[in-house]
Amino acid sequence: PRAILPADDLQGNSKSELRFLSFE
């Protein structure tokens, strides 16, 4: 139910964040 997904912060730097996934 949780995954580490790539994301961008406000400065445009790429990072990884842990978030919960929806059932879909």
mmCIF file of all heavy atoms, coordinates in Angstrom:
data_MODEL
# 
_entry.id   MODEL 
# 
loop_
_atom_site.group_PDB 
_atom_site.id 
_atom_site.type_symbol 
_atom_site.label_atom_id 
_atom_site.label_alt_id 
_atom_site.label_comp_id 
_atom_site.label_asym_id 
_atom_site.label_entity_id 
_atom_site.label_seq_id 
_atom_site.pdbx_PDB_ins_code 
_atom_site.Cartn_x 
_atom_site.Cartn_y 
_atom_site.Cartn_z 
_atom_site.occupancy 
_atom_site.B_iso_or_equiv 
_atom_site.pdbx_formal_charge 
_atom_site.auth_seq_id 
_atom_site.auth_comp_id 
_atom_site.auth_asym_id 
_atom_site.auth_atom_id 
_atom_site.pdbx_PDB_model_num 
ATOM 1   N N   . PRO A 1 1  ? 0.808   -1.229 0.000   1.00 0.00 ? 1  PRO A N   1 
ATOM 2   C CA  . PRO A 1 1  ? 0.000   0.000  0.000   1.00 0.00 ? 1  PRO A CA  1 
ATOM 3   C C   . PRO A 1 1  ? 0.837   1.274  0.000   1.00 0.00 ? 1  PRO A C   1 
ATOM 4   O O   . PRO A 1 1  ? 0.316   2.348  -0.221  1.00 0.00 ? 1  PRO A O   1 
ATOM 5   C CB  . PRO A 1 1  ? -0.827  -0.101 1.270   1.00 0.00 ? 1  PRO A CB  1 
ATOM 6   C CG  . PRO A 1 1  ? -0.146  -1.092 2.123   1.00 0.00 ? 1  PRO A CG  1 
ATOM 7   C CD  . PRO A 1 1  ? 0.628   -1.999 1.215   1.00 0.00 ? 1  PRO A CD  1 
ATOM 8   N N   . ARG A 1 2  ? 2.162   1.148  0.232   1.00 0.00 ? 2  ARG A N   1 
ATOM 9   C CA  . ARG A 1 2  ? 3.032   2.317  0.177   1.00 0.00 ? 2  ARG A CA  1 
ATOM 10  C C   . ARG A 1 2  ? 4.102   2.083  -0.878  1.00 0.00 ? 2  ARG A C   1 
ATOM 11  O O   . ARG A 1 2  ? 4.513   0.963  -1.117  1.00 0.00 ? 2  ARG A O   1 
ATOM 12  C CB  . ARG A 1 2  ? 3.707   2.559  1.529   1.00 0.00 ? 2  ARG A CB  1 
ATOM 13  C CG  . ARG A 1 2  ? 2.725   2.969  2.596   1.00 0.00 ? 2  ARG A CG  1 
ATOM 14  C CD  . ARG A 1 2  ? 3.424   3.285  3.878   1.00 0.00 ? 2  ARG A CD  1 
ATOM 15  N NE  . ARG A 1 2  ? 4.085   2.084  4.380   1.00 0.00 ? 2  ARG A NE  1 
ATOM 16  C CZ  . ARG A 1 2  ? 4.983   2.084  5.346   1.00 0.00 ? 2  ARG A CZ  1 
ATOM 17  N NH1 . ARG A 1 2  ? 5.347   3.197  5.916   1.00 0.00 ? 2  ARG A NH1 1 
ATOM 18  N NH2 . ARG A 1 2  ? 5.538   0.969  5.763   1.00 0.00 ? 2  ARG A NH2 1 
ATOM 19  N N   . ALA A 1 3  ? 4.547   3.163  -1.511  1.00 0.00 ? 3  ALA A N   1 
ATOM 20  C CA  . ALA A 1 3  ? 5.585   3.054  -2.529  1.00 0.00 ? 3  ALA A CA  1 
ATOM 21  C C   . ALA A 1 3  ? 6.460   4.291  -2.510  1.00 0.00 ? 3  ALA A C   1 
ATOM 22  O O   . ALA A 1 3  ? 6.015   5.374  -2.136  1.00 0.00 ? 3  ALA A O   1 
ATOM 23  C CB  . ALA A 1 3  ? 4.959   2.893  -3.904  1.00 0.00 ? 3  ALA A CB  1 
ATOM 24  N N   . ILE A 1 4  ? 7.700   4.101  -2.916  1.00 0.00 ? 4  ILE A N   1 
ATOM 25  C CA  . ILE A 1 4  ? 8.605   5.232  -3.079  1.00 0.00 ? 4  ILE A CA  1 
ATOM 26  C C   . ILE A 1 4  ? 8.527   5.658  -4.531  1.00 0.00 ? 4  ILE A C   1 
ATOM 27  O O   . ILE A 1 4  ? 8.828   4.885  -5.434  1.00 0.00 ? 4  ILE A O   1 
ATOM 28  C CB  . ILE A 1 4  ? 10.040  4.840  -2.690  1.00 0.00 ? 4  ILE A CB  1 
ATOM 29  C CG1 . ILE A 1 4  ? 10.086  4.452  -1.213  1.00 0.00 ? 4  ILE A CG1 1 
ATOM 30  C CG2 . ILE A 1 4  ? 11.006  5.968  -2.997  1.00 0.00 ? 4  ILE A CG2 1 
ATOM 31  C CD1 . ILE A 1 4  ? 11.421  3.926  -0.756  1.00 0.00 ? 4  ILE A CD1 1 
ATOM 32  N N   . LEU A 1 5  ? 8.066   6.878  -4.747  1.00 0.00 ? 5  LEU A N   1 
ATOM 33  C CA  . LEU A 1 5  ? 7.841   7.381  -6.094  1.00 0.00 ? 5  LEU A CA  1 
ATOM 34  C C   . LEU A 1 5  ? 8.721   8.591  -6.365  1.00 0.00 ? 5  LEU A C   1 
ATOM 35  O O   . LEU A 1 5  ? 8.984   9.386  -5.468  1.00 0.00 ? 5  LEU A O   1 
ATOM 36  C CB  . LEU A 1 5  ? 6.372   7.773  -6.260  1.00 0.00 ? 5  LEU A CB  1 
ATOM 37  C CG  . LEU A 1 5  ? 5.360   6.660  -6.013  1.00 0.00 ? 5  LEU A CG  1 
ATOM 38  C CD1 . LEU A 1 5  ? 3.961   7.214  -6.016  1.00 0.00 ? 5  LEU A CD1 1 
ATOM 39  C CD2 . LEU A 1 5  ? 5.506   5.588  -7.063  1.00 0.00 ? 5  LEU A CD2 1 
ATOM 40  N N   . PRO A 1 6  ? 9.167   8.732  -7.617  1.00 0.00 ? 6  PRO A N   1 
ATOM 41  C CA  . PRO A 1 6  ? 9.954   9.927  -7.953  1.00 0.00 ? 6  PRO A CA  1 
ATOM 42  C C   . PRO A 1 6  ? 9.065   11.168 -7.941  1.00 0.00 ? 6  PRO A C   1 
ATOM 43  O O   . PRO A 1 6  ? 7.899   11.121 -8.315  1.00 0.00 ? 6  PRO A O   1 
ATOM 44  C CB  . PRO A 1 6  ? 10.475  9.633  -9.351  1.00 0.00 ? 6  PRO A CB  1 
ATOM 45  C CG  . PRO A 1 6  ? 9.573   8.597  -9.899  1.00 0.00 ? 6  PRO A CG  1 
ATOM 46  C CD  . PRO A 1 6  ? 9.020   7.834  -8.732  1.00 0.00 ? 6  PRO A CD  1 
ATOM 47  N N   . ALA A 1 7  ? 9.633   12.277 -7.495  1.00 0.00 ? 7  ALA A N   1 
ATOM 48  C CA  . ALA A 1 7  ? 8.888   13.539 -7.441  1.00 0.00 ? 7  ALA A CA  1 
ATOM 49  C C   . ALA A 1 7  ? 9.867   14.690 -7.616  1.00 0.00 ? 7  ALA A C   1 
ATOM 50  O O   . ALA A 1 7  ? 11.076  14.521 -7.468  1.00 0.00 ? 7  ALA A O   1 
ATOM 51  C CB  . ALA A 1 7  ? 8.155   13.666 -6.118  1.00 0.00 ? 7  ALA A CB  1 
ATOM 52  N N   . ASP A 1 8  ? 9.370   15.859 -7.938  1.00 0.00 ? 8  ASP A N   1 
ATOM 53  C CA  . ASP A 1 8  ? 10.188  17.065 -8.060  1.00 0.00 ? 8  ASP A CA  1 
ATOM 54  C C   . ASP A 1 8  ? 9.812   18.031 -6.952  1.00 0.00 ? 8  ASP A C   1 
ATOM 55  O O   . ASP A 1 8  ? 8.638   18.192 -6.629  1.00 0.00 ? 8  ASP A O   1 
ATOM 56  C CB  . ASP A 1 8  ? 9.966   17.741 -9.416  1.00 0.00 ? 8  ASP A CB  1 
ATOM 57  C CG  . ASP A 1 8  ? 10.481  16.901 -10.571 1.00 0.00 ? 8  ASP A CG  1 
ATOM 58  O OD1 . ASP A 1 8  ? 11.457  16.165 -10.361 1.00 0.00 ? 8  ASP A OD1 1 
ATOM 59  O OD2 . ASP A 1 8  ? 9.907   16.979 -11.674 1.00 0.00 ? 8  ASP A OD2 1 
ATOM 60  N N   . ASP A 1 9  ? 10.812  18.675 -6.372  1.00 0.00 ? 9  ASP A N   1 
ATOM 61  C CA  . ASP A 1 9  ? 10.506  19.693 -5.364  1.00 0.00 ? 9  ASP A CA  1 
ATOM 62  C C   . ASP A 1 9  ? 10.299  21.046 -6.057  1.00 0.00 ? 9  ASP A C   1 
ATOM 63  O O   . ASP A 1 9  ? 10.319  21.146 -7.281  1.00 0.00 ? 9  ASP A O   1 
ATOM 64  C CB  . ASP A 1 9  ? 11.592  19.753 -4.289  1.00 0.00 ? 9  ASP A CB  1 
ATOM 65  C CG  . ASP A 1 9  ? 12.955  20.147 -4.841  1.00 0.00 ? 9  ASP A CG  1 
ATOM 66  O OD1 . ASP A 1 9  ? 13.037  20.558 -6.012  1.00 0.00 ? 9  ASP A OD1 1 
ATOM 67  O OD2 . ASP A 1 9  ? 13.939  20.050 -4.081  1.00 0.00 ? 9  ASP A OD2 1 
ATOM 68  N N   . LEU A 1 10 ? 10.085  22.084 -5.292  1.00 0.00 ? 10 LEU A N   1 
ATOM 69  C CA  . LEU A 1 10 ? 9.779   23.403 -5.852  1.00 0.00 ? 10 LEU A CA  1 
ATOM 70  C C   . LEU A 1 10 ? 10.923  23.984 -6.684  1.00 0.00 ? 10 LEU A C   1 
ATOM 71  O O   . LEU A 1 10 ? 10.697  24.771 -7.592  1.00 0.00 ? 10 LEU A O   1 
ATOM 72  C CB  . LEU A 1 10 ? 9.416   24.372 -4.725  1.00 0.00 ? 10 LEU A CB  1 
ATOM 73  C CG  . LEU A 1 10 ? 8.147   24.010 -3.944  1.00 0.00 ? 10 LEU A CG  1 
ATOM 74  C CD1 . LEU A 1 10 ? 7.955   24.975 -2.790  1.00 0.00 ? 10 LEU A CD1 1 
ATOM 75  C CD2 . LEU A 1 10 ? 6.947   24.009 -4.859  1.00 0.00 ? 10 LEU A CD2 1 
ATOM 76  N N   . GLN A 1 11 ? 12.157  23.592 -6.405  1.00 0.00 ? 11 GLN A N   1 
ATOM 77  C CA  . GLN A 1 11 ? 13.305  24.097 -7.156  1.00 0.00 ? 11 GLN A CA  1 
ATOM 78  C C   . GLN A 1 11 ? 13.578  23.266 -8.417  1.00 0.00 ? 11 GLN A C   1 
ATOM 79  O O   . GLN A 1 11 ? 14.514  23.543 -9.144  1.00 0.00 ? 11 GLN A O   1 
ATOM 80  C CB  . GLN A 1 11 ? 14.576  24.112 -6.288  1.00 0.00 ? 11 GLN A CB  1 
ATOM 81  C CG  . GLN A 1 11 ? 14.586  25.164 -5.205  1.00 0.00 ? 11 GLN A CG  1 
ATOM 82  C CD  . GLN A 1 11 ? 13.745  24.759 -3.998  1.00 0.00 ? 11 GLN A CD  1 
ATOM 83  O OE1 . GLN A 1 11 ? 13.596  23.574 -3.711  1.00 0.00 ? 11 GLN A OE1 1 
ATOM 84  N NE2 . GLN A 1 11 ? 13.166  25.731 -3.326  1.00 0.00 ? 11 GLN A NE2 1 
ATOM 85  N N   . GLY A 1 12 ? 12.800  22.243 -8.677  1.00 0.00 ? 12 GLY A N   1 
ATOM 86  C CA  . GLY A 1 12 ? 12.983  21.395 -9.856  1.00 0.00 ? 12 GLY A CA  1 
ATOM 87  C C   . GLY A 1 12 ? 13.933  20.242 -9.645  1.00 0.00 ? 12 GLY A C   1 
ATOM 88  O O   . GLY A 1 12 ? 14.255  19.526 -10.587 1.00 0.00 ? 12 GLY A O   1 
ATOM 89  N N   . ASN A 1 13 ? 14.391  20.035 -8.420  1.00 0.00 ? 13 ASN A N   1 
ATOM 90  C CA  . ASN A 1 13 ? 15.278  18.916 -8.121  1.00 0.00 ? 13 ASN A CA  1 
ATOM 91  C C   . ASN A 1 13 ? 14.456  17.647 -7.975  1.00 0.00 ? 13 ASN A C   1 
ATOM 92  O O   . ASN A 1 13 ? 13.373  17.663 -7.399  1.00 0.00 ? 13 ASN A O   1 
ATOM 93  C CB  . ASN A 1 13 ? 16.059  19.178 -6.830  1.00 0.00 ? 13 ASN A CB  1 
ATOM 94  C CG  . ASN A 1 13 ? 16.912  20.419 -6.927  1.00 0.00 ? 13 ASN A CG  1 
ATOM 95  O OD1 . ASN A 1 13 ? 17.466  20.707 -7.982  1.00 0.00 ? 13 ASN A OD1 1 
ATOM 96  N ND2 . ASN A 1 13 ? 16.995  21.165 -5.837  1.00 0.00 ? 13 ASN A ND2 1 
ATOM 97  N N   . SER A 1 14 ? 14.988  16.554 -8.489  1.00 0.00 ? 14 SER A N   1 
ATOM 98  C CA  . SER A 1 14 ? 14.262  15.295 -8.350  1.00 0.00 ? 14 SER A CA  1 
ATOM 99  C C   . SER A 1 14 ? 14.580  14.669 -7.002  1.00 0.00 ? 14 SER A C   1 
ATOM 100 O O   . SER A 1 14 ? 15.693  14.777 -6.495  1.00 0.00 ? 14 SER A O   1 
ATOM 101 C CB  . SER A 1 14 ? 14.605  14.343 -9.485  1.00 0.00 ? 14 SER A CB  1 
ATOM 102 O OG  . SER A 1 14 ? 15.971  14.072 -9.488  1.00 0.00 ? 14 SER A OG  1 
ATOM 103 N N   . LYS A 1 15 ? 13.596  14.038 -6.442  1.00 0.00 ? 15 LYS A N   1 
ATOM 104 C CA  . LYS A 1 15 ? 13.741  13.366 -5.154  1.00 0.00 ? 15 LYS A CA  1 
ATOM 105 C C   . LYS A 1 15 ? 12.769  12.204 -5.127  1.00 0.00 ? 15 LYS A C   1 
ATOM 106 O O   . LYS A 1 15 ? 11.971  12.020 -6.059  1.00 0.00 ? 15 LYS A O   1 
ATOM 107 C CB  . LYS A 1 15 ? 13.463  14.332 -4.004  1.00 0.00 ? 15 LYS A CB  1 
ATOM 108 C CG  . LYS A 1 15 ? 12.047  14.877 -3.990  1.00 0.00 ? 15 LYS A CG  1 
ATOM 109 C CD  . LYS A 1 15 ? 11.786  15.763 -2.791  1.00 0.00 ? 15 LYS A CD  1 
ATOM 110 C CE  . LYS A 1 15 ? 10.315  16.136 -2.748  1.00 0.00 ? 15 LYS A CE  1 
ATOM 111 N NZ  . LYS A 1 15 ? 9.949   16.803 -1.530  1.00 0.00 ? 15 LYS A NZ  1 
ATOM 112 N N   . SER A 1 16 ? 12.822  11.432 -4.095  1.00 0.00 ? 16 SER A N   1 
ATOM 113 C CA  . SER A 1 16 ? 11.895  10.313 -3.919  1.00 0.00 ? 16 SER A CA  1 
ATOM 114 C C   . SER A 1 16 ? 11.061  10.580 -2.683  1.00 0.00 ? 16 SER A C   1 
ATOM 115 O O   . SER A 1 16 ? 11.564  11.097 -1.685  1.00 0.00 ? 16 SER A O   1 
ATOM 116 C CB  . SER A 1 16 ? 12.654  9.005  -3.752  1.00 0.00 ? 16 SER A CB  1 
ATOM 117 O OG  . SER A 1 16 ? 13.398  8.725  -4.905  1.00 0.00 ? 16 SER A OG  1 
ATOM 118 N N   . GLU A 1 17 ? 9.802   10.227 -2.779  1.00 0.00 ? 17 GLU A N   1 
ATOM 119 C CA  . GLU A 1 17 ? 8.943   10.392 -1.604  1.00 0.00 ? 17 GLU A CA  1 
ATOM 120 C C   . GLU A 1 17 ? 8.115   9.137  -1.388  1.00 0.00 ? 17 GLU A C   1 
ATOM 121 O O   . GLU A 1 17 ? 7.739   8.453  -2.333  1.00 0.00 ? 17 GLU A O   1 
ATOM 122 C CB  . GLU A 1 17 ? 8.048   11.620 -1.742  1.00 0.00 ? 17 GLU A CB  1 
ATOM 123 C CG  . GLU A 1 17 ? 7.038   11.553 -2.846  1.00 0.00 ? 17 GLU A CG  1 
ATOM 124 C CD  . GLU A 1 17 ? 6.174   12.800 -2.943  1.00 0.00 ? 17 GLU A CD  1 
ATOM 125 O OE1 . GLU A 1 17 ? 6.639   13.889 -2.559  1.00 0.00 ? 17 GLU A OE1 1 
ATOM 126 O OE2 . GLU A 1 17 ? 5.043   12.660 -3.417  1.00 0.00 ? 17 GLU A OE2 1 
ATOM 127 N N   . LEU A 1 18 ? 7.884   8.842  -0.141  1.00 0.00 ? 18 LEU A N   1 
ATOM 128 C CA  . LEU A 1 18 ? 7.085   7.695  0.245   1.00 0.00 ? 18 LEU A CA  1 
ATOM 129 C C   . LEU A 1 18 ? 5.646   8.162  0.390   1.00 0.00 ? 18 LEU A C   1 
ATOM 130 O O   . LEU A 1 18 ? 5.368   9.117  1.109   1.00 0.00 ? 18 LEU A O   1 
ATOM 131 C CB  . LEU A 1 18 ? 7.595   7.118  1.570   1.00 0.00 ? 18 LEU A CB  1 
ATOM 132 C CG  . LEU A 1 18 ? 6.876   5.899  2.113   1.00 0.00 ? 18 LEU A CG  1 
ATOM 133 C CD1 . LEU A 1 18 ? 7.088   4.706  1.200   1.00 0.00 ? 18 LEU A CD1 1 
ATOM 134 C CD2 . LEU A 1 18 ? 7.363   5.575  3.510   1.00 0.00 ? 18 LEU A CD2 1 
ATOM 135 N N   . ARG A 1 19 ? 4.732   7.517  -0.321  1.00 0.00 ? 19 ARG A N   1 
ATOM 136 C CA  . ARG A 1 19 ? 3.333   7.890  -0.182  1.00 0.00 ? 19 ARG A CA  1 
ATOM 137 C C   . ARG A 1 19 ? 2.455   6.646  -0.292  1.00 0.00 ? 19 ARG A C   1 
ATOM 138 O O   . ARG A 1 19 ? 2.862   5.628  -0.821  1.00 0.00 ? 19 ARG A O   1 
ATOM 139 C CB  . ARG A 1 19 ? 2.922   8.938  -1.210  1.00 0.00 ? 19 ARG A CB  1 
ATOM 140 C CG  . ARG A 1 19 ? 2.813   8.478  -2.617  1.00 0.00 ? 19 ARG A CG  1 
ATOM 141 C CD  . ARG A 1 19 ? 2.252   9.603  -3.494  1.00 0.00 ? 19 ARG A CD  1 
ATOM 142 N NE  . ARG A 1 19 ? 2.075   9.186  -4.844  1.00 0.00 ? 19 ARG A NE  1 
ATOM 143 C CZ  . ARG A 1 19 ? 0.980   8.614  -5.335  1.00 0.00 ? 19 ARG A CZ  1 
ATOM 144 N NH1 . ARG A 1 19 ? -0.048  8.377  -4.554  1.00 0.00 ? 19 ARG A NH1 1 
ATOM 145 N NH2 . ARG A 1 19 ? 0.912   8.269  -6.597  1.00 0.00 ? 19 ARG A NH2 1 
ATOM 146 N N   . PHE A 1 20 ? 1.241   6.765  0.207   1.00 0.00 ? 20 PHE A N   1 
ATOM 147 C CA  . PHE A 1 20 ? 0.295   5.670  0.131   1.00 0.00 ? 20 PHE A CA  1 
ATOM 148 C C   . PHE A 1 20 ? -0.333  5.638  -1.259  1.00 0.00 ? 20 PHE A C   1 
ATOM 149 O O   . PHE A 1 20 ? -0.603  6.676  -1.856  1.00 0.00 ? 20 PHE A O   1 
ATOM 150 C CB  . PHE A 1 20 ? -0.806  5.825  1.190   1.00 0.00 ? 20 PHE A CB  1 
ATOM 151 C CG  . PHE A 1 20 ? -0.324  5.493  2.563   1.00 0.00 ? 20 PHE A CG  1 
ATOM 152 C CD1 . PHE A 1 20 ? 0.124   6.484  3.416   1.00 0.00 ? 20 PHE A CD1 1 
ATOM 153 C CD2 . PHE A 1 20 ? -0.310  4.187  3.006   1.00 0.00 ? 20 PHE A CD2 1 
ATOM 154 C CE1 . PHE A 1 20 ? 0.582   6.188  4.684   1.00 0.00 ? 20 PHE A CE1 1 
ATOM 155 C CE2 . PHE A 1 20 ? 0.139   3.869  4.270   1.00 0.00 ? 20 PHE A CE2 1 
ATOM 156 C CZ  . PHE A 1 20 ? 0.583   4.875  5.118   1.00 0.00 ? 20 PHE A CZ  1 
ATOM 157 N N   . LEU A 1 21 ? -0.550  4.432  -1.772  1.00 0.00 ? 21 LEU A N   1 
ATOM 158 C CA  . LEU A 1 21 ? -1.173  4.250  -3.079  1.00 0.00 ? 21 LEU A CA  1 
ATOM 159 C C   . LEU A 1 21 ? -2.665  4.012  -2.909  1.00 0.00 ? 21 LEU A C   1 
ATOM 160 O O   . LEU A 1 21 ? -3.090  3.351  -1.961  1.00 0.00 ? 21 LEU A O   1 
ATOM 161 C CB  . LEU A 1 21 ? -0.562  3.047  -3.797  1.00 0.00 ? 21 LEU A CB  1 
ATOM 162 C CG  . LEU A 1 21 ? 0.930   3.100  -4.068  1.00 0.00 ? 21 LEU A CG  1 
ATOM 163 C CD1 . LEU A 1 21 ? 1.391   1.771  -4.648  1.00 0.00 ? 21 LEU A CD1 1 
ATOM 164 C CD2 . LEU A 1 21 ? 1.262   4.233  -5.004  1.00 0.00 ? 21 LEU A CD2 1 
ATOM 165 N N   . SER A 1 22 ? -3.439  4.527  -3.834  1.00 0.00 ? 22 SER A N   1 
ATOM 166 C CA  . SER A 1 22 ? -4.873  4.258  -3.806  1.00 0.00 ? 22 SER A CA  1 
ATOM 167 C C   . SER A 1 22 ? -5.110  2.813  -4.244  1.00 0.00 ? 22 SER A C   1 
ATOM 168 O O   . SER A 1 22 ? -4.228  2.156  -4.804  1.00 0.00 ? 22 SER A O   1 
ATOM 169 C CB  . SER A 1 22 ? -5.613  5.216  -4.735  1.00 0.00 ? 22 SER A CB  1 
ATOM 170 O OG  . SER A 1 22 ? -5.314  4.909  -6.081  1.00 0.00 ? 22 SER A OG  1 
ATOM 171 N N   . PHE A 1 23 ? -6.301  2.329  -4.008  1.00 0.00 ? 23 PHE A N   1 
ATOM 172 C CA  . PHE A 1 23 ? -6.630  0.958  -4.405  1.00 0.00 ? 23 PHE A CA  1 
ATOM 173 C C   . PHE A 1 23 ? -6.517  0.814  -5.921  1.00 0.00 ? 23 PHE A C   1 
ATOM 174 O O   . PHE A 1 23 ? -6.029  -0.202 -6.417  1.00 0.00 ? 23 PHE A O   1 
ATOM 175 C CB  . PHE A 1 23 ? -8.037  0.594  -3.923  1.00 0.00 ? 23 PHE A CB  1 
ATOM 176 C CG  . PHE A 1 23 ? -8.382  -0.839 -4.186  1.00 0.00 ? 23 PHE A CG  1 
ATOM 177 C CD1 . PHE A 1 23 ? -7.759  -1.850 -3.482  1.00 0.00 ? 23 PHE A CD1 1 
ATOM 178 C CD2 . PHE A 1 23 ? -9.308  -1.170 -5.151  1.00 0.00 ? 23 PHE A CD2 1 
ATOM 179 C CE1 . PHE A 1 23 ? -8.064  -3.177 -3.727  1.00 0.00 ? 23 PHE A CE1 1 
ATOM 180 C CE2 . PHE A 1 23 ? -9.627  -2.493 -5.404  1.00 0.00 ? 23 PHE A CE2 1 
ATOM 181 C CZ  . PHE A 1 23 ? -9.002  -3.500 -4.689  1.00 0.00 ? 23 PHE A CZ  1 
ATOM 182 N N   . GLU A 1 24 ? -6.938  1.815  -6.680  1.00 0.00 ? 24 GLU A N   1 
ATOM 183 C CA  . GLU A 1 24 ? -6.838  1.771  -8.144  1.00 0.00 ? 24 GLU A CA  1 
ATOM 184 C C   . GLU A 1 24 ? -5.385  1.693  -8.599  1.00 0.00 ? 24 GLU A C   1 
ATOM 185 O O   . GLU A 1 24 ? -5.059  0.952  -9.532  1.00 0.00 ? 24 GLU A O   1 
ATOM 186 C CB  . GLU A 1 24 ? -7.515  2.991  -8.771  1.00 0.00 ? 24 GLU A CB  1 
ATOM 187 C CG  . GLU A 1 24 ? -9.009  2.865  -8.912  1.00 0.00 ? 24 GLU A CG  1 
ATOM 188 C CD  . GLU A 1 24 ? -9.428  1.662  -9.750  1.00 0.00 ? 24 GLU A CD  1 
ATOM 189 O OE1 . GLU A 1 24 ? -8.847  1.453  -10.836 1.00 0.00 ? 24 GLU A OE1 1 
ATOM 190 O OE2 . GLU A 1 24 ? -10.325 0.941  -9.318  1.00 0.00 ? 24 GLU A OE2 1 
# 
